[in-house]
Amino acid sequence: MSRWAKIGWVSVGYLLALVAGGVAGHLYDVRVSALPYDTSGGMYAAGEMMSGLGVFLVAALAPTLLMLWFLRGNHELWRIVGFAALGFSTTGLLAVLMPLMTHDTPRNPAQMLLSLLGLAQLLGVPLWTAAFVLFALLAPAGALRRRLVIAVGIELVIGVCAVIHWTLPGPPF
């Protein structure tokens, strides 16, 4: 398949995802405008936005995976993705473990940002793990794939920390 055909297929996929998101937002608007309550316009608008965005993001998975499949031969891209995944998961593990080292409320912006990243890791560990597993399956073999497998392992450790944090009573983890 030519380069332009690949670009065309991915572009059409994203265009269809945009259309699906727009249709979902419109259908939400039609459904909500028929309700008898009309005093919370901002809440309705936020619901419409989240509905459209959610459908777009799910529909955009297919063209994104197709694009990653087409880019399998680009070793530089996969090297960057591997290092980014490893850095993200390692920083996330440090952020999740930060409350064990500091017992006070974060005061400076760097600690606040790290605390926010820790929460994002605890809540999003299934998403990050699934993404890194998918990247590892799509990546060319060798060191490029090993970095992603290590990132998956770190995310699984974060998953264990999340289970401990959300299920055991006691001070926050």
N, C-alpha and C. Protein backbone atom coordinates (compact mmCIF):
# COMPACT_ATOMS: atom_id res chain seq x y z
N MET A 1 0.85 -1.16 0.00
CA MET A 1 0.00 0.00 0.00
C MET A 1 0.91 1.24 0.00
N SER A 2 0.54 2.23 -0.77
CA SER A 2 1.37 3.43 -0.87
C SER A 2 1.23 4.29 0.38
N ARG A 3 2.18 5.21 0.54
CA ARG A 3 2.17 6.11 1.69
C ARG A 3 0.89 6.93 1.71
N TRP A 4 0.44 7.42 0.55
CA TRP A 4 -0.76 8.26 0.50
C TRP A 4 -2.02 7.47 0.80
N ALA A 5 -2.03 6.21 0.41
CA ALA A 5 -3.18 5.36 0.75
C ALA A 5 -3.27 5.14 2.25
N LYS A 6 -2.12 4.93 2.89
CA LYS A 6 -2.11 4.77 4.35
C LYS A 6 -2.59 6.04 5.04
N ILE A 7 -2.09 7.18 4.59
CA ILE A 7 -2.52 8.45 5.16
C ILE A 7 -4.02 8.65 4.93
N GLY A 8 -4.50 8.25 3.78
CA GLY A 8 -5.92 8.38 3.48
C GLY A 8 -6.79 7.52 4.39
N TRP A 9 -6.39 6.27 4.59
CA TRP A 9 -7.18 5.38 5.46
C TRP A 9 -7.23 5.91 6.89
N VAL A 10 -6.09 6.36 7.40
CA VAL A 10 -6.05 6.89 8.77
C VAL A 10 -6.87 8.17 8.86
N SER A 11 -6.75 9.05 7.87
CA SER A 11 -7.51 10.30 7.87
C SER A 11 -9.01 10.06 7.81
N VAL A 12 -9.42 9.12 6.97
CA VAL A 12 -10.85 8.78 6.89
C VAL A 12 -11.33 8.21 8.22
N GLY A 13 -10.50 7.41 8.88
CA GLY A 13 -10.87 6.87 10.19
C GLY A 13 -11.08 7.97 11.21
N TYR A 14 -10.18 8.94 11.24
CA TYR A 14 -10.34 10.06 12.19
C TYR A 14 -11.54 10.92 11.82
N LEU A 15 -11.79 11.11 10.53
CA LEU A 15 -12.95 11.88 10.11
C LEU A 15 -14.24 11.18 10.53
N LEU A 16 -14.30 9.86 10.37
CA LEU A 16 -15.47 9.11 10.82
C LEU A 16 -15.63 9.17 12.34
N ALA A 17 -14.51 9.19 13.07
CA ALA A 17 -14.57 9.32 14.53
C ALA A 17 -15.12 10.69 14.91
N LEU A 18 -14.72 11.73 14.19
CA LEU A 18 -15.27 13.07 14.45
C LEU A 18 -16.76 13.11 14.18
N VAL A 19 -17.18 12.49 13.09
CA VAL A 19 -18.61 12.45 12.76
C VAL A 19 -19.37 11.69 13.82
N ALA A 20 -18.84 10.55 14.27
CA ALA A 20 -19.52 9.78 15.31
C ALA A 20 -19.64 10.58 16.59
N GLY A 21 -18.59 11.32 16.97
CA GLY A 21 -18.65 12.16 18.15
C GLY A 21 -19.68 13.27 18.01
N GLY A 22 -19.73 13.88 16.83
CA GLY A 22 -20.73 14.92 16.58
C GLY A 22 -22.15 14.39 16.63
N VAL A 23 -22.36 13.23 16.06
CA VAL A 23 -23.70 12.61 16.09
C VAL A 23 -24.08 12.27 17.52
N ALA A 24 -23.15 11.73 18.30
CA ALA A 24 -23.44 11.39 19.70
C ALA A 24 -23.78 12.64 20.49
N GLY A 25 -23.04 13.74 20.27
CA GLY A 25 -23.36 15.00 20.95
C GLY A 25 -24.72 15.52 20.55
N HIS A 26 -25.05 15.42 19.27
CA HIS A 26 -26.36 15.88 18.80
C HIS A 26 -27.49 15.03 19.40
N LEU A 27 -27.30 13.72 19.42
CA LEU A 27 -28.33 12.84 19.99
C LEU A 27 -28.52 13.11 21.48
N TYR A 28 -27.42 13.40 22.18
CA TYR A 28 -27.52 13.76 23.59
C TYR A 28 -28.33 15.06 23.74
N ASP A 29 -28.04 16.02 22.87
CA ASP A 29 -28.75 17.30 22.91
C ASP A 29 -30.24 17.11 22.63
N VAL A 30 -30.57 16.27 21.67
CA VAL A 30 -31.97 16.01 21.35
C VAL A 30 -32.68 15.36 22.53
N ARG A 31 -32.02 14.40 23.15
CA ARG A 31 -32.63 13.70 24.29
C ARG A 31 -32.81 14.64 25.48
N VAL A 32 -31.80 15.44 25.78
CA VAL A 32 -31.85 16.29 26.96
C VAL A 32 -32.78 17.49 26.75
N SER A 33 -32.87 17.99 25.53
CA SER A 33 -33.76 19.14 25.29
C SER A 33 -35.23 18.76 25.44
N ALA A 34 -35.53 17.47 25.39
CA ALA A 34 -36.91 17.02 25.58
C ALA A 34 -37.27 16.89 27.06
N LEU A 35 -36.28 17.00 27.95
CA LEU A 35 -36.54 16.90 29.38
C LEU A 35 -37.23 18.17 29.88
N PRO A 36 -38.00 18.07 30.95
CA PRO A 36 -38.73 19.24 31.42
C PRO A 36 -37.86 20.26 32.15
N TYR A 37 -36.67 19.92 32.57
CA TYR A 37 -35.82 20.82 33.34
C TYR A 37 -34.92 21.58 32.39
N ASP A 38 -34.90 22.90 32.51
CA ASP A 38 -34.06 23.69 31.62
C ASP A 38 -33.28 24.76 32.36
N THR A 39 -32.97 24.53 33.62
CA THR A 39 -32.27 25.55 34.40
C THR A 39 -30.77 25.29 34.51
N SER A 40 -30.29 24.20 34.00
CA SER A 40 -28.87 23.87 34.14
C SER A 40 -28.22 23.74 32.77
N GLY A 41 -28.21 24.81 32.01
CA GLY A 41 -27.66 24.78 30.66
C GLY A 41 -26.20 24.40 30.63
N GLY A 42 -25.43 24.87 31.60
CA GLY A 42 -24.01 24.53 31.64
C GLY A 42 -23.78 23.05 31.87
N MET A 43 -24.61 22.46 32.71
CA MET A 43 -24.48 21.02 32.96
C MET A 43 -24.86 20.22 31.72
N TYR A 44 -25.90 20.66 31.02
CA TYR A 44 -26.29 19.98 29.79
C TYR A 44 -25.18 20.09 28.75
N ALA A 45 -24.57 21.28 28.65
CA ALA A 45 -23.49 21.47 27.67
C ALA A 45 -22.30 20.58 28.02
N ALA A 46 -21.99 20.49 29.31
CA ALA A 46 -20.87 19.63 29.71
C ALA A 46 -21.18 18.17 29.41
N GLY A 47 -22.42 17.75 29.65
CA GLY A 47 -22.82 16.38 29.33
C GLY A 47 -22.74 16.10 27.84
N GLU A 48 -23.15 17.07 27.04
CA GLU A 48 -23.07 16.92 25.59
C GLU A 48 -21.61 16.80 25.13
N MET A 49 -20.75 17.65 25.72
CA MET A 49 -19.34 17.60 25.37
C MET A 49 -18.73 16.26 25.76
N MET A 50 -19.02 15.78 26.97
CA MET A 50 -18.44 14.51 27.41
C MET A 50 -18.97 13.34 26.59
N SER A 51 -20.23 13.40 26.21
CA SER A 51 -20.80 12.34 25.38
C SER A 51 -20.12 12.30 24.02
N GLY A 52 -20.00 13.46 23.38
CA GLY A 52 -19.36 13.51 22.07
C GLY A 52 -17.89 13.15 22.13
N LEU A 53 -17.19 13.63 23.17
CA LEU A 53 -15.78 13.34 23.31
C LEU A 53 -15.54 11.86 23.60
N GLY A 54 -16.38 11.27 24.44
CA GLY A 54 -16.23 9.85 24.75
C GLY A 54 -16.40 8.98 23.52
N VAL A 55 -17.41 9.28 22.71
CA VAL A 55 -17.63 8.50 21.49
C VAL A 55 -16.48 8.71 20.51
N PHE A 56 -16.02 9.97 20.40
CA PHE A 56 -14.88 10.24 19.51
C PHE A 56 -13.66 9.44 19.93
N LEU A 57 -13.33 9.45 21.23
CA LEU A 57 -12.13 8.76 21.69
C LEU A 57 -12.21 7.25 21.46
N VAL A 58 -13.36 6.67 21.67
CA VAL A 58 -13.51 5.23 21.42
C VAL A 58 -13.41 4.95 19.92
N ALA A 59 -14.06 5.78 19.10
CA ALA A 59 -14.02 5.56 17.66
C ALA A 59 -12.63 5.85 17.08
N ALA A 60 -11.88 6.73 17.72
CA ALA A 60 -10.55 7.07 17.22
C ALA A 60 -9.51 6.00 17.54
N LEU A 61 -9.88 5.02 18.35
CA LEU A 61 -8.93 3.94 18.65
C LEU A 61 -8.56 3.17 17.39
N ALA A 62 -9.52 2.90 16.54
CA ALA A 62 -9.25 2.10 15.33
C ALA A 62 -8.25 2.81 14.40
N PRO A 63 -8.45 4.08 14.02
CA PRO A 63 -7.45 4.70 13.15
C PRO A 63 -6.10 4.89 13.84
N THR A 64 -6.11 5.05 15.17
CA THR A 64 -4.83 5.19 15.88
C THR A 64 -4.06 3.88 15.83
N LEU A 65 -4.74 2.76 16.06
CA LEU A 65 -4.08 1.46 15.96
C LEU A 65 -3.60 1.19 14.54
N LEU A 66 -4.40 1.58 13.56
CA LEU A 66 -4.00 1.41 12.17
C LEU A 66 -2.75 2.24 11.87
N MET A 67 -2.72 3.47 12.38
CA MET A 67 -1.55 4.32 12.18
C MET A 67 -0.31 3.70 12.83
N LEU A 68 -0.46 3.20 14.05
CA LEU A 68 0.68 2.57 14.71
C LEU A 68 1.14 1.32 13.96
N TRP A 69 0.18 0.59 13.39
CA TRP A 69 0.54 -0.58 12.59
C TRP A 69 1.34 -0.17 11.36
N PHE A 70 0.91 0.91 10.71
CA PHE A 70 1.63 1.39 9.53
C PHE A 70 3.02 1.91 9.89
N LEU A 71 3.20 2.37 11.12
CA LEU A 71 4.49 2.92 11.55
C LEU A 71 5.38 1.90 12.24
N ARG A 72 5.08 0.62 12.10
CA ARG A 72 5.88 -0.42 12.75
C ARG A 72 7.33 -0.40 12.30
N GLY A 73 7.58 -0.02 11.09
CA GLY A 73 8.95 -0.02 10.56
C GLY A 73 9.78 1.16 11.00
N ASN A 74 9.18 2.14 11.64
CA ASN A 74 9.89 3.33 12.07
C ASN A 74 10.50 3.08 13.46
N HIS A 75 11.73 2.63 13.49
CA HIS A 75 12.37 2.25 14.76
C HIS A 75 12.61 3.46 15.65
N GLU A 76 12.86 4.60 15.07
CA GLU A 76 13.07 5.81 15.89
C GLU A 76 11.81 6.17 16.66
N LEU A 77 10.65 6.08 16.02
CA LEU A 77 9.39 6.36 16.71
C LEU A 77 9.19 5.39 17.87
N TRP A 78 9.43 4.11 17.64
CA TRP A 78 9.21 3.12 18.69
C TRP A 78 10.24 3.24 19.81
N ARG A 79 11.43 3.72 19.48
CA ARG A 79 12.43 3.99 20.51
C ARG A 79 11.94 5.11 21.42
N ILE A 80 11.39 6.17 20.82
CA ILE A 80 10.86 7.29 21.59
C ILE A 80 9.66 6.85 22.42
N VAL A 81 8.75 6.07 21.82
CA VAL A 81 7.58 5.56 22.55
C VAL A 81 8.02 4.69 23.72
N GLY A 82 9.02 3.85 23.52
CA GLY A 82 9.51 2.98 24.58
C GLY A 82 10.09 3.77 25.75
N PHE A 83 10.93 4.76 25.43
CA PHE A 83 11.51 5.57 26.49
C PHE A 83 10.44 6.42 27.19
N ALA A 84 9.48 6.94 26.42
CA ALA A 84 8.40 7.74 27.03
C ALA A 84 7.54 6.87 27.96
N ALA A 85 7.22 5.66 27.53
CA ALA A 85 6.43 4.76 28.37
C ALA A 85 7.19 4.38 29.63
N LEU A 86 8.46 4.10 29.49
CA LEU A 86 9.29 3.76 30.64
C LEU A 86 9.40 4.94 31.60
N GLY A 87 9.60 6.13 31.07
CA GLY A 87 9.68 7.32 31.91
C GLY A 87 8.37 7.62 32.61
N PHE A 88 7.27 7.49 31.87
CA PHE A 88 5.95 7.75 32.44
C PHE A 88 5.63 6.76 33.56
N SER A 89 5.89 5.48 33.32
CA SER A 89 5.55 4.48 34.34
C SER A 89 6.48 4.60 35.55
N THR A 90 7.75 4.88 35.34
CA THR A 90 8.67 5.02 36.47
C THR A 90 8.32 6.25 37.30
N THR A 91 8.06 7.37 36.65
CA THR A 91 7.65 8.57 37.37
C THR A 91 6.33 8.33 38.09
N GLY A 92 5.42 7.61 37.46
CA GLY A 92 4.15 7.28 38.09
C GLY A 92 4.32 6.42 39.33
N LEU A 93 5.24 5.46 39.27
CA LEU A 93 5.50 4.62 40.45
C LEU A 93 6.07 5.46 41.59
N LEU A 94 6.99 6.36 41.26
CA LEU A 94 7.53 7.26 42.29
C LEU A 94 6.43 8.14 42.87
N ALA A 95 5.52 8.61 42.01
CA ALA A 95 4.42 9.45 42.48
C ALA A 95 3.46 8.67 43.37
N VAL A 96 3.23 7.42 43.04
CA VAL A 96 2.34 6.59 43.86
C VAL A 96 2.98 6.29 45.21
N LEU A 97 4.28 6.10 45.23
CA LEU A 97 4.99 5.79 46.47
C LEU A 97 5.35 7.03 47.28
N MET A 98 5.16 8.22 46.73
CA MET A 98 5.52 9.47 47.41
C MET A 98 4.87 9.63 48.78
N PRO A 99 3.59 9.27 48.96
CA PRO A 99 3.00 9.42 50.30
C PRO A 99 3.69 8.59 51.38
N LEU A 100 4.42 7.54 51.00
CA LEU A 100 5.16 6.76 51.99
C LEU A 100 6.39 7.52 52.49
N MET A 101 6.90 8.42 51.65
CA MET A 101 8.10 9.17 52.02
C MET A 101 7.78 10.51 52.68
N THR A 102 6.70 11.13 52.26
CA THR A 102 6.30 12.42 52.83
C THR A 102 4.90 12.27 53.40
N HIS A 103 4.74 12.72 54.62
CA HIS A 103 3.45 12.56 55.28
C HIS A 103 2.68 13.87 55.41
N ASP A 104 3.21 14.94 54.83
CA ASP A 104 2.51 16.21 54.90
C ASP A 104 1.88 16.55 53.55
N THR A 105 1.08 17.57 53.55
CA THR A 105 0.42 18.02 52.33
C THR A 105 1.45 18.68 51.42
N PRO A 106 1.43 18.34 50.12
CA PRO A 106 2.39 18.97 49.20
C PRO A 106 2.19 20.49 49.17
N ARG A 107 3.31 21.23 49.25
CA ARG A 107 3.23 22.69 49.29
C ARG A 107 3.74 23.34 48.00
N ASN A 108 4.78 22.80 47.41
CA ASN A 108 5.30 23.44 46.20
C ASN A 108 4.67 22.81 44.95
N PRO A 109 4.68 23.53 43.84
CA PRO A 109 4.01 23.03 42.62
C PRO A 109 4.54 21.70 42.11
N ALA A 110 5.83 21.43 42.27
CA ALA A 110 6.38 20.16 41.79
C ALA A 110 5.80 18.99 42.58
N GLN A 111 5.70 19.13 43.90
CA GLN A 111 5.11 18.06 44.71
C GLN A 111 3.63 17.90 44.41
N MET A 112 2.93 19.00 44.17
CA MET A 112 1.51 18.93 43.83
C MET A 112 1.31 18.20 42.51
N LEU A 113 2.17 18.51 41.54
CA LEU A 113 2.07 17.86 40.24
C LEU A 113 2.38 16.37 40.36
N LEU A 114 3.37 16.01 41.17
CA LEU A 114 3.70 14.61 41.37
C LEU A 114 2.56 13.89 42.09
N SER A 115 1.93 14.57 43.04
CA SER A 115 0.78 13.99 43.74
C SER A 115 -0.39 13.76 42.78
N LEU A 116 -0.61 14.72 41.88
CA LEU A 116 -1.67 14.57 40.87
C LEU A 116 -1.36 13.41 39.93
N LEU A 117 -0.10 13.28 39.53
CA LEU A 117 0.30 12.16 38.67
C LEU A 117 0.09 10.83 39.39
N GLY A 118 0.37 10.79 40.69
CA GLY A 118 0.14 9.57 41.46
C GLY A 118 -1.33 9.19 41.46
N LEU A 119 -2.20 10.17 41.63
CA LEU A 119 -3.64 9.89 41.58
C LEU A 119 -4.06 9.42 40.19
N ALA A 120 -3.53 10.06 39.15
CA ALA A 120 -3.84 9.64 37.78
C ALA A 120 -3.36 8.22 37.53
N GLN A 121 -2.24 7.85 38.10
CA GLN A 121 -1.74 6.48 37.94
C GLN A 121 -2.62 5.49 38.69
N LEU A 122 -3.01 5.84 39.91
CA LEU A 122 -3.86 4.93 40.69
C LEU A 122 -5.20 4.70 40.01
N LEU A 123 -5.78 5.76 39.45
CA LEU A 123 -7.09 5.64 38.81
C LEU A 123 -7.00 5.07 37.39
N GLY A 124 -5.91 5.37 36.70
CA GLY A 124 -5.82 5.00 35.29
C GLY A 124 -4.94 3.81 35.00
N VAL A 125 -4.56 3.06 36.02
CA VAL A 125 -3.64 1.94 35.80
C VAL A 125 -4.17 0.91 34.79
N PRO A 126 -5.47 0.61 34.75
CA PRO A 126 -5.91 -0.34 33.70
C PRO A 126 -5.72 0.23 32.29
N LEU A 127 -5.97 1.52 32.14
CA LEU A 127 -5.81 2.15 30.83
C LEU A 127 -4.34 2.18 30.41
N TRP A 128 -3.46 2.60 31.32
CA TRP A 128 -2.04 2.67 30.97
C TRP A 128 -1.49 1.28 30.69
N THR A 129 -1.88 0.30 31.49
CA THR A 129 -1.39 -1.06 31.29
C THR A 129 -1.84 -1.60 29.94
N ALA A 130 -3.11 -1.42 29.63
CA ALA A 130 -3.62 -1.90 28.34
C ALA A 130 -2.92 -1.21 27.17
N ALA A 131 -2.69 0.09 27.30
CA ALA A 131 -2.01 0.82 26.23
C ALA A 131 -0.58 0.31 26.03
N PHE A 132 0.14 0.10 27.13
CA PHE A 132 1.52 -0.35 27.00
C PHE A 132 1.60 -1.79 26.49
N VAL A 133 0.63 -2.63 26.88
CA VAL A 133 0.60 -4.00 26.34
C VAL A 133 0.36 -3.95 24.83
N LEU A 134 -0.57 -3.11 24.43
CA LEU A 134 -0.86 -2.97 22.99
C LEU A 134 0.36 -2.43 22.25
N PHE A 135 1.03 -1.43 22.81
CA PHE A 135 2.24 -0.91 22.19
C PHE A 135 3.31 -1.99 22.09
N ALA A 136 3.44 -2.80 23.15
CA ALA A 136 4.45 -3.87 23.13
C ALA A 136 4.14 -4.90 22.05
N LEU A 137 2.85 -5.18 21.84
CA LEU A 137 2.48 -6.12 20.79
C LEU A 137 2.73 -5.55 19.39
N LEU A 138 2.55 -4.25 19.24
CA LEU A 138 2.74 -3.62 17.94
C LEU A 138 4.20 -3.29 17.63
N ALA A 139 5.00 -3.12 18.66
CA ALA A 139 6.39 -2.70 18.46
C ALA A 139 7.19 -3.80 17.77
N PRO A 140 8.18 -3.38 16.98
CA PRO A 140 9.08 -4.38 16.41
C PRO A 140 9.82 -5.10 17.53
N ALA A 141 10.26 -6.30 17.26
CA ALA A 141 10.91 -7.12 18.29
C ALA A 141 12.23 -6.51 18.75
N GLY A 142 12.74 -7.03 19.84
CA GLY A 142 14.05 -6.60 20.32
C GLY A 142 13.95 -5.64 21.47
N ALA A 143 14.96 -4.77 21.56
CA ALA A 143 15.05 -3.82 22.68
C ALA A 143 13.85 -2.87 22.68
N LEU A 144 13.31 -2.58 21.52
CA LEU A 144 12.16 -1.68 21.44
C LEU A 144 10.97 -2.27 22.19
N ARG A 145 10.77 -3.56 22.06
CA ARG A 145 9.66 -4.24 22.73
C ARG A 145 9.97 -4.46 24.22
N ARG A 146 11.23 -4.73 24.54
CA ARG A 146 11.59 -4.96 25.95
C ARG A 146 11.30 -3.76 26.83
N ARG A 147 11.58 -2.54 26.34
CA ARG A 147 11.29 -1.34 27.12
C ARG A 147 9.80 -1.25 27.44
N LEU A 148 8.97 -1.58 26.49
CA LEU A 148 7.53 -1.52 26.71
C LEU A 148 7.08 -2.62 27.66
N VAL A 149 7.69 -3.78 27.60
CA VAL A 149 7.35 -4.86 28.53
C VAL A 149 7.75 -4.47 29.95
N ILE A 150 8.88 -3.80 30.11
CA ILE A 150 9.29 -3.32 31.44
C ILE A 150 8.30 -2.27 31.93
N ALA A 151 7.83 -1.39 31.04
CA ALA A 151 6.83 -0.39 31.43
C ALA A 151 5.53 -1.08 31.86
N VAL A 152 5.16 -2.16 31.19
CA VAL A 152 3.97 -2.93 31.60
C VAL A 152 4.18 -3.50 32.99
N GLY A 153 5.37 -4.04 33.26
CA GLY A 153 5.67 -4.57 34.58
C GLY A 153 5.57 -3.51 35.67
N ILE A 154 6.08 -2.32 35.40
CA ILE A 154 5.98 -1.24 36.38
C ILE A 154 4.53 -0.85 36.59
N GLU A 155 3.75 -0.82 35.51
CA GLU A 155 2.32 -0.50 35.65
C GLU A 155 1.60 -1.57 36.47
N LEU A 156 2.00 -2.82 36.33
CA LEU A 156 1.40 -3.88 37.15
C LEU A 156 1.73 -3.70 38.63
N VAL A 157 2.94 -3.24 38.92
CA VAL A 157 3.31 -2.92 40.31
C VAL A 157 2.43 -1.78 40.82
N ILE A 158 2.21 -0.78 39.98
CA ILE A 158 1.32 0.32 40.35
C ILE A 158 -0.10 -0.21 40.57
N GLY A 159 -0.50 -1.19 39.78
CA GLY A 159 -1.82 -1.80 39.96
C GLY A 159 -1.94 -2.48 41.32
N VAL A 160 -0.89 -3.16 41.76
CA VAL A 160 -0.89 -3.77 43.09
C VAL A 160 -0.98 -2.68 44.15
N CYS A 161 -0.24 -1.59 43.95
CA CYS A 161 -0.33 -0.45 44.89
C CYS A 161 -1.74 0.12 44.91
N ALA A 162 -2.39 0.18 43.75
CA ALA A 162 -3.76 0.70 43.69
C ALA A 162 -4.72 -0.21 44.45
N VAL A 163 -4.57 -1.50 44.28
CA VAL A 163 -5.44 -2.44 45.01
C VAL A 163 -5.24 -2.28 46.50
N ILE A 164 -3.99 -2.17 46.92
CA ILE A 164 -3.72 -1.97 48.35
C ILE A 164 -4.32 -0.65 48.82
N HIS A 165 -4.13 0.39 48.03
CA HIS A 165 -4.62 1.72 48.40
C HIS A 165 -6.15 1.76 48.53
N TRP A 166 -6.83 1.16 47.58
CA TRP A 166 -8.29 1.29 47.55
C TRP A 166 -9.02 0.25 48.41
N THR A 167 -8.34 -0.82 48.81
CA THR A 167 -9.06 -1.87 49.54
C THR A 167 -8.71 -1.96 51.02
N LEU A 168 -7.48 -1.65 51.39
CA LEU A 168 -7.10 -1.80 52.79
C LEU A 168 -7.46 -0.56 53.60
N PRO A 169 -8.02 -0.75 54.79
CA PRO A 169 -8.30 0.42 55.63
C PRO A 169 -6.99 0.93 56.23
N GLY A 170 -7.01 2.18 56.56
CA GLY A 170 -5.82 2.76 57.18
C GLY A 170 -5.42 4.03 56.49
N PRO A 171 -4.22 4.49 56.78
CA PRO A 171 -3.77 5.75 56.18
C PRO A 171 -3.59 5.61 54.68
N PRO A 172 -3.75 6.69 53.94
CA PRO A 172 -3.63 6.61 52.47
C PRO A 172 -2.24 6.18 52.04
N PHE A 173 -2.19 5.45 50.95
CA PHE A 173 -0.95 4.93 50.42
C PHE A 173 -0.45 5.87 49.37
